[in-house]
Amino acid sequence: MADSSEMTINLVVLGRSQTGKSAAGNSLLGSSDFESHRSPSSVTTRCSLGRSCRISRIIRRNGCELALRVRVLDTPSYPHSSLSKEQVKDTVRSALAHHFGEEGLHLALLVLRADMPLCLDESDHTTEFMQELLGPTWKDFTAVLLTHADKTEEAGFSEEKYLQSASSTLLSLLSSVQHKYIFLDNQKSIIKEERAIVLRKLLNFIRQNNYQVLLLKHRKE
């Protein structure tokens, strides 16, 4: 039976190679569970689940303070340097069903680089992949993580100025997921206070969604 003084949120990180997807997962967990480094090929080749320690002073519900536990599923990138689209989808679907089959998925975190423009073709391929993977309601359960935010800050862009200058492709994507987005500086997010800010934002997205979860069953075509 679940501990009534705790809340666990289930997250999956998805995105292209070298967007900082695994690093973002580590930041959310406050750990180094996932391998993350620069490479001429895709680093992550299989799904792996990371679990945070018990986190206090993050969430209150019904007037009571709850401890938070975070579970993050790291996934192979798409496109991938050695796996086909179908191989990535099948691997991720199997892992989602295995790890979150009973509790469900609270949020899929689509990781994009804030310091690189999002082109129309890339956006189309990404949204098609998300829909095929998560189903027709994927937008309700997806938030965008804009990583490498420190690079845009160094270039003189505040979050507000960045969004004013962003491509219509990115703005359309953010609108489609009901403006659920977070700017993420992976280095700062390791700091306890910065990590707490990011987690509270994610919890707010989950609260806005009435704590619903996405249930996914693995199915072979």
C-alpha atoms as a PDB file:
ATOM      1  CA  MET A   1       0.000   0.000   0.000  1.00  0.00           C
ATOM      2  CA  ALA A   2       1.299   3.467  -0.889  1.00  0.00           C
ATOM      3  CA  ASP A   3       2.529   5.702   1.928  1.00  0.00           C
ATOM      4  CA  SER A   4      -0.087   8.441   2.373  1.00  0.00           C
ATOM      5  CA  SER A   5       2.645  10.879   3.488  1.00  0.00           C
ATOM      6  CA  GLU A   6       4.462  10.500   0.171  1.00  0.00           C
ATOM      7  CA  MET A   7       3.795  11.260  -3.460  1.00  0.00           C
ATOM      8  CA  THR A   8       5.655   9.621  -6.335  1.00  0.00           C
ATOM      9  CA  ILE A   9       5.716  11.174  -9.791  1.00  0.00           C
ATOM     10  CA  ASN A  10       6.615   9.142 -12.874  1.00  0.00           C
ATOM     11  CA  LEU A  11       8.431  10.933 -15.682  1.00  0.00           C
ATOM     12  CA  VAL A  12       9.998   9.908 -18.991  1.00  0.00           C
ATOM     13  CA  VAL A  13      12.581  11.995 -20.866  1.00  0.00           C
ATOM     14  CA  LEU A  14      12.422  11.944 -24.664  1.00  0.00           C
ATOM     15  CA  GLY A  15      14.361  13.804 -27.331  1.00  0.00           C
ATOM     16  CA  ARG A  16      17.125  13.904 -29.877  1.00  0.00           C
ATOM     17  CA  SER A  17      20.767  13.021 -29.286  1.00  0.00           C
ATOM     18  CA  GLN A  18      22.912  15.659 -27.561  1.00  0.00           C
ATOM     19  CA  THR A  19      19.961  17.699 -26.292  1.00  0.00           C
ATOM     20  CA  GLY A  20      20.960  16.975 -22.684  1.00  0.00           C
ATOM     21  CA  LYS A  21      18.178  14.445 -22.157  1.00  0.00           C
ATOM     22  CA  SER A  22      20.076  12.122 -19.798  1.00  0.00           C
ATOM     23  CA  ALA A  23      21.677  15.086 -18.026  1.00  0.00           C
ATOM     24  CA  ALA A  24      18.202  16.541 -17.463  1.00  0.00           C
ATOM     25  CA  GLY A  25      17.115  13.231 -15.942  1.00  0.00           C
ATOM     26  CA  ASN A  26      20.102  13.340 -13.590  1.00  0.00           C
ATOM     27  CA  SER A  27      19.236  16.912 -12.590  1.00  0.00           C
ATOM     28  CA  LEU A  28      15.668  15.918 -11.715  1.00  0.00           C
ATOM     29  CA  LEU A  29      16.888  12.980  -9.653  1.00  0.00           C
ATOM     30  CA  GLY A  30      19.735  14.879  -8.013  1.00  0.00           C
ATOM     31  CA  SER A  31      22.082  12.081  -9.022  1.00  0.00           C
ATOM     32  CA  SER A  32      24.268  10.734 -11.814  1.00  0.00           C
ATOM     33  CA  ASP A  33      22.246   7.609 -12.586  1.00  0.00           C
ATOM     34  CA  PHE A  34      22.315   8.114 -16.358  1.00  0.00           C
ATOM     35  CA  GLU A  35      25.388   8.171 -18.571  1.00  0.00           C
ATOM     36  CA  SER A  36      25.737  11.599 -20.141  1.00  0.00           C
ATOM     37  CA  HIS A  37      28.602  12.972 -22.245  1.00  0.00           C
ATOM     38  CA  ARG A  38      29.326  14.359 -25.688  1.00  0.00           C
ATOM     39  CA  SER A  39      29.764  11.717 -28.360  1.00  0.00           C
ATOM     40  CA  PRO A  40      29.753  11.407 -32.173  1.00  0.00           C
ATOM     41  CA  SER A  41      27.035   8.743 -31.768  1.00  0.00           C
ATOM     42  CA  SER A  42      23.911   8.370 -29.637  1.00  0.00           C
ATOM     43  CA  VAL A  43      24.999   7.587 -26.058  1.00  0.00           C
ATOM     44  CA  THR A  44      21.815   5.987 -24.669  1.00  0.00           C
ATOM     45  CA  THR A  45      20.915   2.662 -26.315  1.00  0.00           C
ATOM     46  CA  ARG A  46      18.416   1.263 -23.802  1.00  0.00           C
ATOM     47  CA  CYS A  47      15.883   2.507 -21.287  1.00  0.00           C
ATOM     48  CA  SER A  48      16.860   2.766 -17.637  1.00  0.00           C
ATOM     49  CA  LEU A  49      14.936   3.877 -14.564  1.00  0.00           C
ATOM     50  CA  GLY A  50      16.328   6.227 -11.951  1.00  0.00           C
ATOM     51  CA  ARG A  51      14.815   6.865  -8.529  1.00  0.00           C
ATOM     52  CA  SER A  52      15.343   9.870  -6.296  1.00  0.00           C
ATOM     53  CA  CYS A  53      15.711   9.817  -2.555  1.00  0.00           C
ATOM     54  CA  ARG A  54      12.837  11.104  -0.430  1.00  0.00           C
ATOM     55  CA  ILE A  55      12.558  14.871  -1.005  1.00  0.00           C
ATOM     56  CA  SER A  56      11.015  17.059   1.690  1.00  0.00           C
ATOM     57  CA  ARG A  57       9.452  20.548   1.592  1.00  0.00           C
ATOM     58  CA  ILE A  58       8.422  20.399  -2.063  1.00  0.00           C
ATOM     59  CA  ILE A  59       4.675  19.690  -2.112  1.00  0.00           C
ATOM     60  CA  ARG A  60       1.596  20.256   0.019  1.00  0.00           C
ATOM     61  CA  ARG A  61      -1.708  18.586  -0.692  1.00  0.00           C
ATOM     62  CA  ASN A  62      -4.983  18.986   1.208  1.00  0.00           C
ATOM     63  CA  GLY A  63      -3.165  21.179   3.723  1.00  0.00           C
ATOM     64  CA  CYS A  64      -0.525  18.577   4.516  1.00  0.00           C
ATOM     65  CA  GLU A  65       3.125  18.476   3.541  1.00  0.00           C
ATOM     66  CA  LEU A  66       4.069  15.397   1.548  1.00  0.00           C
ATOM     67  CA  ALA A  67       7.464  13.952   0.813  1.00  0.00           C
ATOM     68  CA  LEU A  68       8.189  13.575  -2.885  1.00  0.00           C
ATOM     69  CA  ARG A  69       9.849  10.743  -4.749  1.00  0.00           C
ATOM     70  CA  VAL A  70      10.749  11.133  -8.410  1.00  0.00           C
ATOM     71  CA  ARG A  71      11.123   8.293 -10.890  1.00  0.00           C
ATOM     72  CA  VAL A  72      12.639   9.124 -14.274  1.00  0.00           C
ATOM     73  CA  LEU A  73      12.823   6.791 -17.269  1.00  0.00           C
ATOM     74  CA  ASP A  74      15.736   7.626 -19.547  1.00  0.00           C
ATOM     75  CA  THR A  75      15.295   6.543 -23.158  1.00  0.00           C
ATOM     76  CA  PRO A  76      17.241   6.163 -26.411  1.00  0.00           C
ATOM     77  CA  SER A  77      17.079   9.236 -28.592  1.00  0.00           C
ATOM     78  CA  TYR A  78      15.056   9.590 -31.757  1.00  0.00           C
ATOM     79  CA  PRO A  79      16.467   9.830 -34.366  1.00  0.00           C
ATOM     80  CA  HIS A  80      19.143   7.395 -33.170  1.00  0.00           C
ATOM     81  CA  SER A  81      22.538   6.682 -34.683  1.00  0.00           C
ATOM     82  CA  SER A  82      22.142   2.889 -34.510  1.00  0.00           C
ATOM     83  CA  LEU A  83      18.473   2.114 -33.751  1.00  0.00           C
ATOM     84  CA  SER A  84      15.527   2.445 -36.127  1.00  0.00           C
ATOM     85  CA  LYS A  85      12.414   4.417 -35.246  1.00  0.00           C
ATOM     86  CA  GLU A  86      10.482   1.179 -34.665  1.00  0.00           C
ATOM     87  CA  GLN A  87      13.236  -0.187 -32.416  1.00  0.00           C
ATOM     88  CA  VAL A  88      13.210   2.971 -30.307  1.00  0.00           C
ATOM     89  CA  LYS A  89       9.404   2.987 -30.061  1.00  0.00           C
ATOM     90  CA  ASP A  90       9.233  -0.686 -29.109  1.00  0.00           C
ATOM     91  CA  THR A  91      11.984  -0.292 -26.510  1.00  0.00           C
ATOM     92  CA  VAL A  92      10.328   2.738 -24.908  1.00  0.00           C
ATOM     93  CA  ARG A  93       6.818   1.247 -24.973  1.00  0.00           C
ATOM     94  CA  SER A  94       8.064  -1.930 -23.280  1.00  0.00           C
ATOM     95  CA  ALA A  95       9.880   0.063 -20.589  1.00  0.00           C
ATOM     96  CA  LEU A  96       6.883   2.333 -19.945  1.00  0.00           C
ATOM     97  CA  ALA A  97       4.614  -0.686 -19.507  1.00  0.00           C
ATOM     98  CA  HIS A  98       7.147  -2.464 -17.315  1.00  0.00           C
ATOM     99  CA  HIS A  99       7.997   0.418 -14.966  1.00  0.00           C
ATOM    100  CA  PHE A 100       4.803   2.528 -15.013  1.00  0.00           C
ATOM    101  CA  GLY A 101       2.211  -0.034 -16.101  1.00  0.00           C
ATOM    102  CA  GLU A 102       0.311   0.023 -12.796  1.00  0.00           C
ATOM    103  CA  GLU A 103       0.795   3.623 -11.600  1.00  0.00           C
ATOM    104  CA  GLY A 104       0.773   5.364 -14.994  1.00  0.00           C
ATOM    105  CA  LEU A 105       2.878   8.181 -16.422  1.00  0.00           C
ATOM    106  CA  HIS A 106       2.459  11.703 -15.075  1.00  0.00           C
ATOM    107  CA  LEU A 107       4.525  13.580 -17.648  1.00  0.00           C
ATOM    108  CA  ALA A 108       6.593  12.958 -20.746  1.00  0.00           C
ATOM    109  CA  LEU A 109       9.378  15.529 -20.874  1.00  0.00           C
ATOM    110  CA  LEU A 110      10.324  16.469 -24.432  1.00  0.00           C
ATOM    111  CA  VAL A 111      13.889  17.783 -24.268  1.00  0.00           C
ATOM    112  CA  LEU A 112      14.937  20.476 -26.749  1.00  0.00           C
ATOM    113  CA  ARG A 113      18.039  22.658 -26.827  1.00  0.00           C
ATOM    114  CA  ALA A 114      17.234  26.290 -26.121  1.00  0.00           C
ATOM    115  CA  ASP A 115      20.416  27.369 -27.917  1.00  0.00           C
ATOM    116  CA  MET A 116      19.451  25.748 -31.228  1.00  0.00           C
ATOM    117  CA  PRO A 117      16.492  26.707 -33.470  1.00  0.00           C
ATOM    118  CA  LEU A 118      13.649  24.237 -33.871  1.00  0.00           C
ATOM    119  CA  CYS A 119      13.004  23.681 -37.578  1.00  0.00           C
ATOM    120  CA  LEU A 120       9.641  22.730 -39.022  1.00  0.00           C
ATOM    121  CA  ASP A 121      10.715  19.290 -40.305  1.00  0.00           C
ATOM    122  CA  GLU A 122      12.274  18.410 -36.959  1.00  0.00           C
ATOM    123  CA  SER A 123       9.158  19.514 -35.101  1.00  0.00           C
ATOM    124  CA  ASP A 124       6.905  17.500 -37.426  1.00  0.00           C
ATOM    125  CA  HIS A 125       9.002  14.353 -36.949  1.00  0.00           C
ATOM    126  CA  THR A 126       9.090  14.872 -33.185  1.00  0.00           C
ATOM    127  CA  THR A 127       5.348  15.401 -32.757  1.00  0.00           C
ATOM    128  CA  GLU A 128       4.602  12.437 -35.013  1.00  0.00           C
ATOM    129  CA  PHE A 129       6.903  10.272 -32.893  1.00  0.00           C
ATOM    130  CA  MET A 130       5.302  11.492 -29.648  1.00  0.00           C
ATOM    131  CA  GLN A 131       1.807  10.729 -30.919  1.00  0.00           C
ATOM    132  CA  GLU A 132       2.774   7.269 -32.174  1.00  0.00           C
ATOM    133  CA  LEU A 133       4.484   6.511 -28.863  1.00  0.00           C
ATOM    134  CA  LEU A 134       2.016   7.982 -26.358  1.00  0.00           C
ATOM    135  CA  GLY A 135      -1.268   8.069 -28.252  1.00  0.00           C
ATOM    136  CA  PRO A 136      -3.725  10.813 -29.238  1.00  0.00           C
ATOM    137  CA  THR A 137      -3.729  12.545 -25.830  1.00  0.00           C
ATOM    138  CA  TRP A 138       0.067  12.971 -25.750  1.00  0.00           C
ATOM    139  CA  LYS A 139      -0.152  16.776 -25.631  1.00  0.00           C
ATOM    140  CA  ASP A 140      -2.036  16.662 -22.308  1.00  0.00           C
ATOM    141  CA  PHE A 141       0.792  14.679 -20.744  1.00  0.00           C
ATOM    142  CA  THR A 142       3.807  16.397 -22.309  1.00  0.00           C
ATOM    143  CA  ALA A 143       5.970  19.269 -21.083  1.00  0.00           C
ATOM    144  CA  VAL A 144       8.957  20.747 -22.912  1.00  0.00           C
ATOM    145  CA  LEU A 145      12.353  21.083 -21.217  1.00  0.00           C
ATOM    146  CA  LEU A 146      14.488  23.731 -22.909  1.00  0.00           C
ATOM    147  CA  THR A 147      18.025  22.766 -21.930  1.00  0.00           C
ATOM    148  CA  HIS A 148      21.281  24.713 -22.193  1.00  0.00           C
ATOM    149  CA  ALA A 149      19.428  27.804 -21.008  1.00  0.00           C
ATOM    150  CA  ASP A 150      22.748  29.138 -19.693  1.00  0.00           C
ATOM    151  CA  LYS A 151      23.915  29.516 -23.307  1.00  0.00           C
ATOM    152  CA  THR A 152      20.948  31.721 -24.185  1.00  0.00           C
ATOM    153  CA  GLU A 153      21.504  33.767 -21.020  1.00  0.00           C
ATOM    154  CA  GLU A 154      25.131  34.299 -22.026  1.00  0.00           C
ATOM    155  CA  ALA A 155      23.856  35.544 -25.403  1.00  0.00           C
ATOM    156  CA  GLY A 156      21.748  38.153 -23.601  1.00  0.00           C
ATOM    157  CA  PHE A 157      18.343  36.481 -23.807  1.00  0.00           C
ATOM    158  CA  SER A 158      16.062  36.491 -20.803  1.00  0.00           C
ATOM    159  CA  GLU A 159      13.272  33.908 -20.904  1.00  0.00           C
ATOM    160  CA  GLU A 160      10.816  36.609 -22.007  1.00  0.00           C
ATOM    161  CA  LYS A 161      13.121  37.935 -24.730  1.00  0.00           C
ATOM    162  CA  TYR A 162      13.890  34.397 -25.881  1.00  0.00           C
ATOM    163  CA  LEU A 163      10.212  33.617 -26.404  1.00  0.00           C
ATOM    164  CA  GLN A 164       9.691  36.905 -28.229  1.00  0.00           C
ATOM    165  CA  SER A 165      12.471  35.913 -30.642  1.00  0.00           C
ATOM    166  CA  ALA A 166      11.636  32.193 -30.911  1.00  0.00           C
ATOM    167  CA  SER A 167      10.542  30.613 -34.177  1.00  0.00           C
ATOM    168  CA  SER A 168       6.852  30.198 -34.904  1.00  0.00           C
ATOM    169  CA  THR A 169       7.555  26.446 -35.004  1.00  0.00           C
ATOM    170  CA  LEU A 170       8.694  26.381 -31.369  1.00  0.00           C
ATOM    171  CA  LEU A 171       5.915  28.726 -30.229  1.00  0.00           C
ATOM    172  CA  SER A 172       3.339  26.520 -31.942  1.00  0.00           C
ATOM    173  CA  LEU A 173       4.718  23.435 -30.189  1.00  0.00           C
ATOM    174  CA  LEU A 174       4.650  25.159 -26.782  1.00  0.00           C
ATOM    175  CA  SER A 175       1.083  26.278 -27.421  1.00  0.00           C
ATOM    176  CA  SER A 176       0.040  22.733 -28.365  1.00  0.00           C
ATOM    177  CA  VAL A 177       1.202  21.420 -24.962  1.00  0.00           C
ATOM    178  CA  GLN A 178      -0.691  24.219 -23.157  1.00  0.00           C
ATOM    179  CA  HIS A 179       2.516  26.206 -22.525  1.00  0.00           C
ATOM    180  CA  LYS A 180       3.972  23.565 -20.220  1.00  0.00           C
ATOM    181  CA  TYR A 181       7.662  24.378 -20.570  1.00  0.00           C
ATOM    182  CA  ILE A 182      10.682  24.889 -18.340  1.00  0.00           C
ATOM    183  CA  PHE A 183      14.039  26.476 -19.093  1.00  0.00           C
ATOM    184  CA  LEU A 184      16.727  24.221 -17.661  1.00  0.00           C
ATOM    185  CA  ASP A 185      20.336  24.989 -16.893  1.00  0.00           C
ATOM    186  CA  ASN A 186      21.645  21.493 -16.206  1.00  0.00           C
ATOM    187  CA  GLN A 187      24.517  22.761 -14.075  1.00  0.00           C
ATOM    188  CA  LYS A 188      22.322  24.942 -11.858  1.00  0.00           C
ATOM    189  CA  SER A 189      19.677  22.235 -11.560  1.00  0.00           C
ATOM    190  CA  ILE A 190      22.147  20.098  -9.637  1.00  0.00           C
ATOM    191  CA  ILE A 191      21.982  22.766  -6.926  1.00  0.00           C
ATOM    192  CA  LYS A 192      19.311  21.823  -4.402  1.00  0.00           C
ATOM    193  CA  GLU A 193      17.431  25.147  -4.573  1.00  0.00           C
ATOM    194  CA  GLU A 194      17.337  25.212  -8.394  1.00  0.00           C
ATOM    195  CA  ARG A 195      16.217  21.588  -8.548  1.00  0.00           C
ATOM    196  CA  ALA A 196      13.376  22.348  -6.130  1.00  0.00           C
ATOM    197  CA  ILE A 197      12.162  25.174  -8.408  1.00  0.00           C
ATOM    198  CA  VAL A 198      12.077  22.834 -11.422  1.00  0.00           C
ATOM    199  CA  LEU A 199      10.285  20.087  -9.487  1.00  0.00           C
ATOM    200  CA  ARG A 200       7.664  22.539  -8.215  1.00  0.00           C
ATOM    201  CA  LYS A 201       6.988  23.643 -11.780  1.00  0.00           C
ATOM    202  CA  LEU A 202       6.541  20.034 -12.869  1.00  0.00           C
ATOM    203  CA  LEU A 203       4.221  19.406  -9.938  1.00  0.00           C
ATOM    204  CA  ASN A 204       2.197  22.448 -10.945  1.00  0.00           C
ATOM    205  CA  PHE A 205       1.765  20.987 -14.443  1.00  0.00           C
ATOM    206  CA  ILE A 206       0.628  17.705 -12.894  1.00  0.00           C
ATOM    207  CA  ARG A 207      -1.771  19.558 -10.591  1.00  0.00           C
ATOM    208  CA  GLN A 208      -3.215  21.502 -13.550  1.00  0.00           C
ATOM    209  CA  ASN A 209      -3.865  18.119 -15.155  1.00  0.00           C
ATOM    210  CA  ASN A 210      -5.814  17.068 -12.024  1.00  0.00           C
ATOM    211  CA  TYR A 211      -3.149  14.479 -11.177  1.00  0.00           C
ATOM    212  CA  GLN A 212      -4.278  12.331 -14.093  1.00  0.00           C
ATOM    213  CA  VAL A 213      -1.897   9.700 -15.442  1.00  0.00           C
ATOM    214  CA  LEU A 214      -1.400   8.242 -18.890  1.00  0.00           C
ATOM    215  CA  LEU A 215      -1.774   4.468 -18.926  1.00  0.00           C
ATOM    216  CA  LEU A 216       0.181   2.726 -21.666  1.00  0.00           C
ATOM    217  CA  LYS A 217       0.135  -0.961 -22.449  1.00  0.00           C
ATOM    218  CA  HIS A 218       2.816  -2.480 -24.620  1.00  0.00           C
ATOM    219  CA  ARG A 219       1.395  -3.778 -27.825  1.00  0.00           C
ATOM    220  CA  LYS A 220       3.139  -5.435 -30.716  1.00  0.00           C
ATOM    221  CA  GLU A 221       1.825  -4.674 -34.167  1.00  0.00           C
END
